[in-house]
Amino acid sequence: MGVHDGHREKMRARFLAGGLEGFAPHEALELLLYYAIPRRDTNAIAHALMERYGSLTAVLQAPVEDLKKVEGIGENAAVLLRLVPQLCRRARVDDAERESILNSSERAGEYLQTLFAGQKRETVYQLCLDGKGKLLACKCLGEGGAASAVLDIRQVVENAILTSASAVILAHNHPSGIALPSQEDYGVTDRARKALATIGVALTDHIIVADGDYVSMADSGYLA
């Protein structure tokens, strides 16, 4: 048994007995890093991470290449640190998708706030719904914003057809702004609404999410 093995076993036993309750942030990182750094004292590395980023949240949101600048953090450890929050977010989204009824802007807004949580790049999604507002599919249409070339109106129509949707909600985020639609957002909303109308599918909303808030174009009267 190595010099650090006894300490590691105690930390694992402590976690298995009570979860992370009572763990300091650096201790939680120390424990996680055991599974990527088997031959080093991860306590010092965890302290270095906390000193560099200031909080556990900031550590888990840091880019892989920046994490690797911390002494002792290699590719495997950096990827593990980035994987954990994204895996948790994916689990929350998967839970929300099961039997999700998005028949109001409030329900759709709550779902989308979970979907966009932690995302730092502007991303566009299409929610395909049945006649009762049940979520049939959530499709990522691309990154770069609703007004950019990544939003293919033909893809919006194709997604609606393939899922047998009765209605569609478009959504995108403003990672470093406010949740207000731009003139480009209004333009793409009009194009999508007209294209979907040709196949008998309603565009019921376009929701913009930012800073834990959202704005519904339907609530503002634009899609009335």
C-alpha atoms as a PDB file:
ATOM      1  CA  MET A   1       0.000   0.000   0.000  1.00  0.00           C
ATOM      2  CA  GLY A   2       1.407   3.406  -1.029  1.00  0.00           C
ATOM      3  CA  VAL A   3       1.743   6.445   1.168  1.00  0.00           C
ATOM      4  CA  HIS A   4      -1.548   7.921  -0.076  1.00  0.00           C
ATOM      5  CA  ASP A   5      -3.566   4.690  -0.301  1.00  0.00           C
ATOM      6  CA  GLY A   6      -4.761   4.701   3.300  1.00  0.00           C
ATOM      7  CA  HIS A   7      -6.015   8.266   2.997  1.00  0.00           C
ATOM      8  CA  ARG A   8      -7.789   7.455  -0.259  1.00  0.00           C
ATOM      9  CA  GLU A   9      -9.552   4.471   1.258  1.00  0.00           C
ATOM     10  CA  LYS A  10     -10.740   6.596   4.178  1.00  0.00           C
ATOM     11  CA  MET A  11     -12.090   9.223   1.776  1.00  0.00           C
ATOM     12  CA  ARG A  12     -13.896   6.612  -0.303  1.00  0.00           C
ATOM     13  CA  ALA A  13     -15.382   5.005   2.818  1.00  0.00           C
ATOM     14  CA  ARG A  14     -16.522   8.410   4.060  1.00  0.00           C
ATOM     15  CA  PHE A  15     -18.240   9.081   0.724  1.00  0.00           C
ATOM     16  CA  LEU A  16     -19.896   5.663   0.570  1.00  0.00           C
ATOM     17  CA  ALA A  17     -21.230   6.113   4.098  1.00  0.00           C
ATOM     18  CA  GLY A  18     -22.705   9.589   3.685  1.00  0.00           C
ATOM     19  CA  GLY A  19     -22.232  10.916   0.177  1.00  0.00           C
ATOM     20  CA  LEU A  20     -20.587  14.317  -0.170  1.00  0.00           C
ATOM     21  CA  GLU A  21     -22.280  15.661   2.954  1.00  0.00           C
ATOM     22  CA  GLY A  22     -19.615  17.384   5.021  1.00  0.00           C
ATOM     23  CA  PHE A  23     -17.009  17.387   2.244  1.00  0.00           C
ATOM     24  CA  ALA A  24     -15.312  20.710   1.554  1.00  0.00           C
ATOM     25  CA  PRO A  25     -15.227  21.646  -2.158  1.00  0.00           C
ATOM     26  CA  HIS A  26     -11.534  20.789  -2.466  1.00  0.00           C
ATOM     27  CA  GLU A  27     -12.159  17.412  -0.806  1.00  0.00           C
ATOM     28  CA  ALA A  28     -14.889  16.587  -3.344  1.00  0.00           C
ATOM     29  CA  LEU A  29     -12.462  17.433  -6.149  1.00  0.00           C
ATOM     30  CA  GLU A  30      -9.720  15.408  -4.472  1.00  0.00           C
ATOM     31  CA  LEU A  31     -11.995  12.353  -4.370  1.00  0.00           C
ATOM     32  CA  LEU A  32     -13.091  12.761  -8.002  1.00  0.00           C
ATOM     33  CA  LEU A  33      -9.510  13.091  -9.206  1.00  0.00           C
ATOM     34  CA  TYR A  34      -8.594   9.727  -7.648  1.00  0.00           C
ATOM     35  CA  TYR A  35     -10.225   8.142 -10.699  1.00  0.00           C
ATOM     36  CA  ALA A  36      -8.052   9.984 -13.220  1.00  0.00           C
ATOM     37  CA  ILE A  37      -4.793  10.422 -11.277  1.00  0.00           C
ATOM     38  CA  PRO A  38      -3.944   7.121  -9.560  1.00  0.00           C
ATOM     39  CA  ARG A  39      -0.337   7.772  -8.562  1.00  0.00           C
ATOM     40  CA  ARG A  40      -0.331  11.296  -7.105  1.00  0.00           C
ATOM     41  CA  ASP A  41      -1.550  13.203  -4.103  1.00  0.00           C
ATOM     42  CA  THR A  42      -4.689  14.821  -5.502  1.00  0.00           C
ATOM     43  CA  ASN A  43      -5.241  16.965  -2.401  1.00  0.00           C
ATOM     44  CA  ALA A  44      -2.627  19.457  -3.538  1.00  0.00           C
ATOM     45  CA  ILE A  45      -4.042  19.451  -7.079  1.00  0.00           C
ATOM     46  CA  ALA A  46      -7.563  20.069  -5.758  1.00  0.00           C
ATOM     47  CA  HIS A  47      -6.314  23.020  -3.714  1.00  0.00           C
ATOM     48  CA  ALA A  48      -4.554  24.411  -6.804  1.00  0.00           C
ATOM     49  CA  LEU A  49      -7.775  24.145  -8.820  1.00  0.00           C
ATOM     50  CA  MET A  50      -9.784  25.967  -6.155  1.00  0.00           C
ATOM     51  CA  GLU A  51      -7.139  28.675  -5.900  1.00  0.00           C
ATOM     52  CA  ARG A  52      -7.103  29.194  -9.666  1.00  0.00           C
ATOM     53  CA  TYR A  53     -10.872  29.209 -10.263  1.00  0.00           C
ATOM     54  CA  GLY A  54     -12.306  30.289  -6.921  1.00  0.00           C
ATOM     55  CA  SER A  55     -15.282  27.917  -6.732  1.00  0.00           C
ATOM     56  CA  LEU A  56     -16.279  24.340  -7.449  1.00  0.00           C
ATOM     57  CA  THR A  57     -18.712  25.520 -10.134  1.00  0.00           C
ATOM     58  CA  ALA A  58     -15.995  27.485 -11.911  1.00  0.00           C
ATOM     59  CA  VAL A  59     -13.667  24.456 -11.859  1.00  0.00           C
ATOM     60  CA  LEU A  60     -16.315  22.240 -13.466  1.00  0.00           C
ATOM     61  CA  GLN A  61     -17.096  24.855 -16.126  1.00  0.00           C
ATOM     62  CA  ALA A  62     -13.485  25.588 -17.073  1.00  0.00           C
ATOM     63  CA  PRO A  63     -12.317  24.595 -20.588  1.00  0.00           C
ATOM     64  CA  VAL A  64     -10.236  21.450 -20.888  1.00  0.00           C
ATOM     65  CA  GLU A  65      -7.211  23.294 -22.262  1.00  0.00           C
ATOM     66  CA  ASP A  66      -7.271  25.764 -19.371  1.00  0.00           C
ATOM     67  CA  LEU A  67      -7.630  23.011 -16.781  1.00  0.00           C
ATOM     68  CA  LYS A  68      -4.494  21.375 -18.177  1.00  0.00           C
ATOM     69  CA  LYS A  69      -2.507  24.475 -17.192  1.00  0.00           C
ATOM     70  CA  VAL A  70      -2.854  23.423 -13.544  1.00  0.00           C
ATOM     71  CA  GLU A  71       0.121  21.309 -12.467  1.00  0.00           C
ATOM     72  CA  GLY A  72      -0.895  17.677 -12.172  1.00  0.00           C
ATOM     73  CA  ILE A  73      -3.952  17.951 -14.445  1.00  0.00           C
ATOM     74  CA  GLY A  74      -3.502  15.946 -17.616  1.00  0.00           C
ATOM     75  CA  GLU A  75      -5.887  15.172 -20.457  1.00  0.00           C
ATOM     76  CA  ASN A  76      -7.788  12.433 -18.596  1.00  0.00           C
ATOM     77  CA  ALA A  77      -8.340  14.516 -15.464  1.00  0.00           C
ATOM     78  CA  ALA A  78      -9.392  17.583 -17.446  1.00  0.00           C
ATOM     79  CA  VAL A  79     -11.911  15.600 -19.494  1.00  0.00           C
ATOM     80  CA  LEU A  80     -13.303  13.979 -16.331  1.00  0.00           C
ATOM     81  CA  LEU A  81     -13.852  17.387 -14.718  1.00  0.00           C
ATOM     82  CA  ARG A  82     -15.710  18.638 -17.811  1.00  0.00           C
ATOM     83  CA  LEU A  83     -17.694  15.411 -18.161  1.00  0.00           C
ATOM     84  CA  VAL A  84     -19.229  15.452 -14.680  1.00  0.00           C
ATOM     85  CA  PRO A  85     -21.414  18.607 -14.986  1.00  0.00           C
ATOM     86  CA  GLN A  86     -22.439  17.765 -18.541  1.00  0.00           C
ATOM     87  CA  LEU A  87     -23.444  14.253 -17.495  1.00  0.00           C
ATOM     88  CA  CYS A  88     -25.528  15.702 -14.647  1.00  0.00           C
ATOM     89  CA  ARG A  89     -27.155  18.187 -17.024  1.00  0.00           C
ATOM     90  CA  ARG A  90     -27.910  15.394 -19.504  1.00  0.00           C
ATOM     91  CA  ALA A  91     -29.555  13.364 -16.746  1.00  0.00           C
ATOM     92  CA  ARG A  92     -31.744  16.333 -15.745  1.00  0.00           C
ATOM     93  CA  VAL A  93     -32.776  16.899 -19.351  1.00  0.00           C
ATOM     94  CA  ASP A  94     -33.547  13.210 -19.878  1.00  0.00           C
ATOM     95  CA  ASP A  95     -35.712  13.227 -16.746  1.00  0.00           C
ATOM     96  CA  ALA A  96     -37.519  16.332 -17.949  1.00  0.00           C
ATOM     97  CA  GLU A  97     -38.175  14.795 -21.374  1.00  0.00           C
ATOM     98  CA  ARG A  98     -40.049  11.806 -19.976  1.00  0.00           C
ATOM     99  CA  GLU A  99     -43.736  12.567 -20.288  1.00  0.00           C
ATOM    100  CA  SER A 100     -43.031  16.314 -20.500  1.00  0.00           C
ATOM    101  CA  ILE A 101     -46.172  18.294 -21.244  1.00  0.00           C
ATOM    102  CA  LEU A 102     -45.137  21.705 -22.537  1.00  0.00           C
ATOM    103  CA  ASN A 103     -48.588  23.172 -23.070  1.00  0.00           C
ATOM    104  CA  SER A 104     -47.781  26.607 -21.635  1.00  0.00           C
ATOM    105  CA  SER A 105     -44.943  29.098 -21.908  1.00  0.00           C
ATOM    106  CA  GLU A 106     -44.232  28.563 -18.198  1.00  0.00           C
ATOM    107  CA  ARG A 107     -43.703  24.812 -18.602  1.00  0.00           C
ATOM    108  CA  ALA A 108     -41.682  25.280 -21.777  1.00  0.00           C
ATOM    109  CA  GLY A 109     -39.592  27.993 -20.126  1.00  0.00           C
ATOM    110  CA  GLU A 110     -38.797  25.789 -17.126  1.00  0.00           C
ATOM    111  CA  TYR A 111     -37.783  22.909 -19.390  1.00  0.00           C
ATOM    112  CA  LEU A 112     -35.573  25.172 -21.501  1.00  0.00           C
ATOM    113  CA  GLN A 113     -33.847  26.725 -18.508  1.00  0.00           C
ATOM    114  CA  THR A 114     -32.729  23.207 -17.541  1.00  0.00           C
ATOM    115  CA  LEU A 115     -31.721  22.445 -21.126  1.00  0.00           C
ATOM    116  CA  PHE A 116     -29.572  25.571 -21.445  1.00  0.00           C
ATOM    117  CA  ALA A 117     -28.075  25.472 -17.935  1.00  0.00           C
ATOM    118  CA  GLY A 118     -24.316  25.905 -18.099  1.00  0.00           C
ATOM    119  CA  GLN A 119     -24.185  26.343 -21.879  1.00  0.00           C
ATOM    120  CA  LYS A 120     -21.740  29.052 -22.865  1.00  0.00           C
ATOM    121  CA  ARG A 121     -22.307  28.960 -26.629  1.00  0.00           C
ATOM    122  CA  GLU A 122     -25.426  30.226 -28.329  1.00  0.00           C
ATOM    123  CA  THR A 123     -27.417  27.189 -29.397  1.00  0.00           C
ATOM    124  CA  VAL A 124     -30.742  26.715 -31.179  1.00  0.00           C
ATOM    125  CA  TYR A 125     -33.245  23.954 -30.329  1.00  0.00           C
ATOM    126  CA  GLN A 126     -36.519  22.808 -31.813  1.00  0.00           C
ATOM    127  CA  LEU A 127     -39.158  21.242 -29.563  1.00  0.00           C
ATOM    128  CA  CYS A 128     -41.621  19.041 -31.438  1.00  0.00           C
ATOM    129  CA  LEU A 129     -44.974  18.586 -29.686  1.00  0.00           C
ATOM    130  CA  ASP A 130     -48.136  16.591 -30.219  1.00  0.00           C
ATOM    131  CA  GLY A 131     -51.617  18.076 -30.114  1.00  0.00           C
ATOM    132  CA  LYS A 132     -51.724  17.985 -26.305  1.00  0.00           C
ATOM    133  CA  GLY A 133     -48.325  19.619 -25.873  1.00  0.00           C
ATOM    134  CA  LYS A 134     -46.430  16.409 -25.093  1.00  0.00           C
ATOM    135  CA  LEU A 135     -42.768  16.635 -26.045  1.00  0.00           C
ATOM    136  CA  LEU A 136     -42.060  14.249 -28.908  1.00  0.00           C
ATOM    137  CA  ALA A 137     -38.468  15.292 -29.572  1.00  0.00           C
ATOM    138  CA  CYS A 138     -35.927  17.959 -28.735  1.00  0.00           C
ATOM    139  CA  LYS A 139     -33.666  18.626 -31.712  1.00  0.00           C
ATOM    140  CA  CYS A 140     -30.478  20.686 -31.635  1.00  0.00           C
ATOM    141  CA  LEU A 141     -30.452  22.767 -34.813  1.00  0.00           C
ATOM    142  CA  GLY A 142     -26.930  24.076 -34.359  1.00  0.00           C
ATOM    143  CA  GLU A 143     -24.748  26.630 -32.656  1.00  0.00           C
ATOM    144  CA  GLY A 144     -24.215  30.259 -33.529  1.00  0.00           C
ATOM    145  CA  GLY A 145     -27.617  31.817 -32.959  1.00  0.00           C
ATOM    146  CA  ALA A 146     -31.073  31.762 -34.487  1.00  0.00           C
ATOM    147  CA  ALA A 147     -30.141  34.295 -37.169  1.00  0.00           C
ATOM    148  CA  SER A 148     -27.056  32.465 -38.410  1.00  0.00           C
ATOM    149  CA  ALA A 149     -26.712  30.065 -41.308  1.00  0.00           C
ATOM    150  CA  VAL A 150     -26.795  27.054 -38.960  1.00  0.00           C
ATOM    151  CA  LEU A 151     -30.568  27.409 -38.615  1.00  0.00           C
ATOM    152  CA  ASP A 152     -31.849  25.534 -41.643  1.00  0.00           C
ATOM    153  CA  ILE A 153     -35.588  26.157 -42.041  1.00  0.00           C
ATOM    154  CA  ARG A 154     -35.828  23.036 -44.168  1.00  0.00           C
ATOM    155  CA  GLN A 155     -34.477  21.026 -41.229  1.00  0.00           C
ATOM    156  CA  VAL A 156     -37.123  22.552 -38.956  1.00  0.00           C
ATOM    157  CA  VAL A 157     -39.827  21.362 -41.370  1.00  0.00           C
ATOM    158  CA  GLU A 158     -38.218  17.942 -41.782  1.00  0.00           C
ATOM    159  CA  ASN A 159     -38.004  17.442 -38.000  1.00  0.00           C
ATOM    160  CA  ALA A 160     -41.686  18.286 -37.667  1.00  0.00           C
ATOM    161  CA  ILE A 161     -42.617  15.785 -40.373  1.00  0.00           C
ATOM    162  CA  LEU A 162     -40.417  12.973 -39.022  1.00  0.00           C
ATOM    163  CA  THR A 163     -41.817  13.314 -35.489  1.00  0.00           C
ATOM    164  CA  SER A 164     -45.428  13.773 -36.661  1.00  0.00           C
ATOM    165  CA  ALA A 165     -45.532  17.010 -34.683  1.00  0.00           C
ATOM    166  CA  SER A 166     -48.650  19.119 -34.390  1.00  0.00           C
ATOM    167  CA  ALA A 167     -46.749  22.105 -33.040  1.00  0.00           C
ATOM    168  CA  VAL A 168     -43.201  23.403 -32.745  1.00  0.00           C
ATOM    169  CA  ILE A 169     -41.418  25.663 -30.289  1.00  0.00           C
ATOM    170  CA  LEU A 170     -38.111  27.241 -31.278  1.00  0.00           C
ATOM    171  CA  ALA A 171     -35.646  28.215 -28.568  1.00  0.00           C
ATOM    172  CA  HIS A 172     -32.180  29.672 -28.278  1.00  0.00           C
ATOM    173  CA  ASN A 173     -30.043  31.229 -25.582  1.00  0.00           C
ATOM    174  CA  HIS A 174     -28.150  34.481 -25.093  1.00  0.00           C
ATOM    175  CA  PRO A 175     -25.236  33.258 -22.920  1.00  0.00           C
ATOM    176  CA  SER A 176     -23.803  36.711 -22.217  1.00  0.00           C
ATOM    177  CA  GLY A 177     -26.821  38.916 -22.792  1.00  0.00           C
ATOM    178  CA  ILE A 178     -30.420  39.442 -21.818  1.00  0.00           C
ATOM    179  CA  ALA A 179     -33.442  37.384 -22.764  1.00  0.00           C
ATOM    180  CA  LEU A 180     -34.860  39.764 -25.342  1.00  0.00           C
ATOM    181  CA  PRO A 181     -35.409  38.906 -29.034  1.00  0.00           C
ATOM    182  CA  SER A 182     -33.404  40.759 -31.655  1.00  0.00           C
ATOM    183  CA  GLN A 183     -34.650  41.873 -35.063  1.00  0.00           C
ATOM    184  CA  GLU A 184     -32.923  38.788 -36.517  1.00  0.00           C
ATOM    185  CA  ASP A 185     -34.839  36.610 -34.042  1.00  0.00           C
ATOM    186  CA  TYR A 186     -38.115  38.077 -35.273  1.00  0.00           C
ATOM    187  CA  GLY A 187     -37.068  37.457 -38.870  1.00  0.00           C
ATOM    188  CA  VAL A 188     -36.210  33.806 -38.387  1.00  0.00           C
ATOM    189  CA  THR A 189     -39.420  33.315 -36.400  1.00  0.00           C
ATOM    190  CA  ASP A 190     -41.467  34.606 -39.323  1.00  0.00           C
ATOM    191  CA  ARG A 191     -39.662  32.355 -41.802  1.00  0.00           C
ATOM    192  CA  ALA A 192     -40.108  29.278 -39.618  1.00  0.00           C
ATOM    193  CA  ARG A 193     -43.786  30.031 -38.976  1.00  0.00           C
ATOM    194  CA  LYS A 194     -44.527  30.377 -42.706  1.00  0.00           C
ATOM    195  CA  ALA A 195     -42.603  27.231 -43.615  1.00  0.00           C
ATOM    196  CA  LEU A 196     -44.308  25.131 -40.935  1.00  0.00           C
ATOM    197  CA  ALA A 197     -47.713  26.441 -41.954  1.00  0.00           C
ATOM    198  CA  THR A 198     -47.253  24.822 -45.383  1.00  0.00           C
ATOM    199  CA  ILE A 199     -47.378  21.383 -43.704  1.00  0.00           C
ATOM    200  CA  GLY A 200     -50.112  22.285 -41.228  1.00  0.00           C
ATOM    201  CA  VAL A 201     -47.849  22.610 -38.174  1.00  0.00           C
ATOM    202  CA  ALA A 202     -48.108  25.606 -35.861  1.00  0.00           C
ATOM    203  CA  LEU A 203     -45.109  27.494 -34.516  1.00  0.00           C
ATOM    204  CA  THR A 204     -46.529  28.171 -31.067  1.00  0.00           C
ATOM    205  CA  ASP A 205     -43.577  29.975 -29.511  1.00  0.00           C
ATOM    206  CA  HIS A 206     -39.993  31.136 -29.807  1.00  0.00           C
ATOM    207  CA  ILE A 207     -38.344  31.346 -26.407  1.00  0.00           C
ATOM    208  CA  ILE A 208     -35.082  33.114 -25.596  1.00  0.00           C
ATOM    209  CA  VAL A 209     -33.208  32.071 -22.443  1.00  0.00           C
ATOM    210  CA  ALA A 210     -30.538  34.099 -20.618  1.00  0.00           C
ATOM    211  CA  ASP A 211     -29.205  34.430 -17.070  1.00  0.00           C
ATOM    212  CA  GLY A 212     -31.822  32.160 -15.497  1.00  0.00           C
ATOM    213  CA  ASP A 213     -34.650  34.029 -17.203  1.00  0.00           C
ATOM    214  CA  TYR A 214     -36.584  33.630 -20.441  1.00  0.00           C
ATOM    215  CA  VAL A 215     -38.797  35.621 -22.784  1.00  0.00           C
ATOM    216  CA  SER A 216     -41.661  34.043 -24.710  1.00  0.00           C
ATOM    217  CA  MET A 217     -42.609  35.625 -28.045  1.00  0.00           C
ATOM    218  CA  ALA A 218     -46.046  34.071 -27.663  1.00  0.00           C
ATOM    219  CA  ASP A 219     -46.566  35.795 -24.309  1.00  0.00           C
ATOM    220  CA  SER A 220     -45.463  39.095 -25.832  1.00  0.00           C
ATOM    221  CA  GLY A 221     -48.226  38.752 -28.418  1.00  0.00           C
ATOM    222  CA  TYR A 222     -45.972  38.342 -31.439  1.00  0.00           C
ATOM    223  CA  LEU A 223     -47.254  34.875 -32.369  1.00  0.00           C
ATOM    224  CA  ALA A 224     -50.898  35.559 -31.539  1.00  0.00           C
END
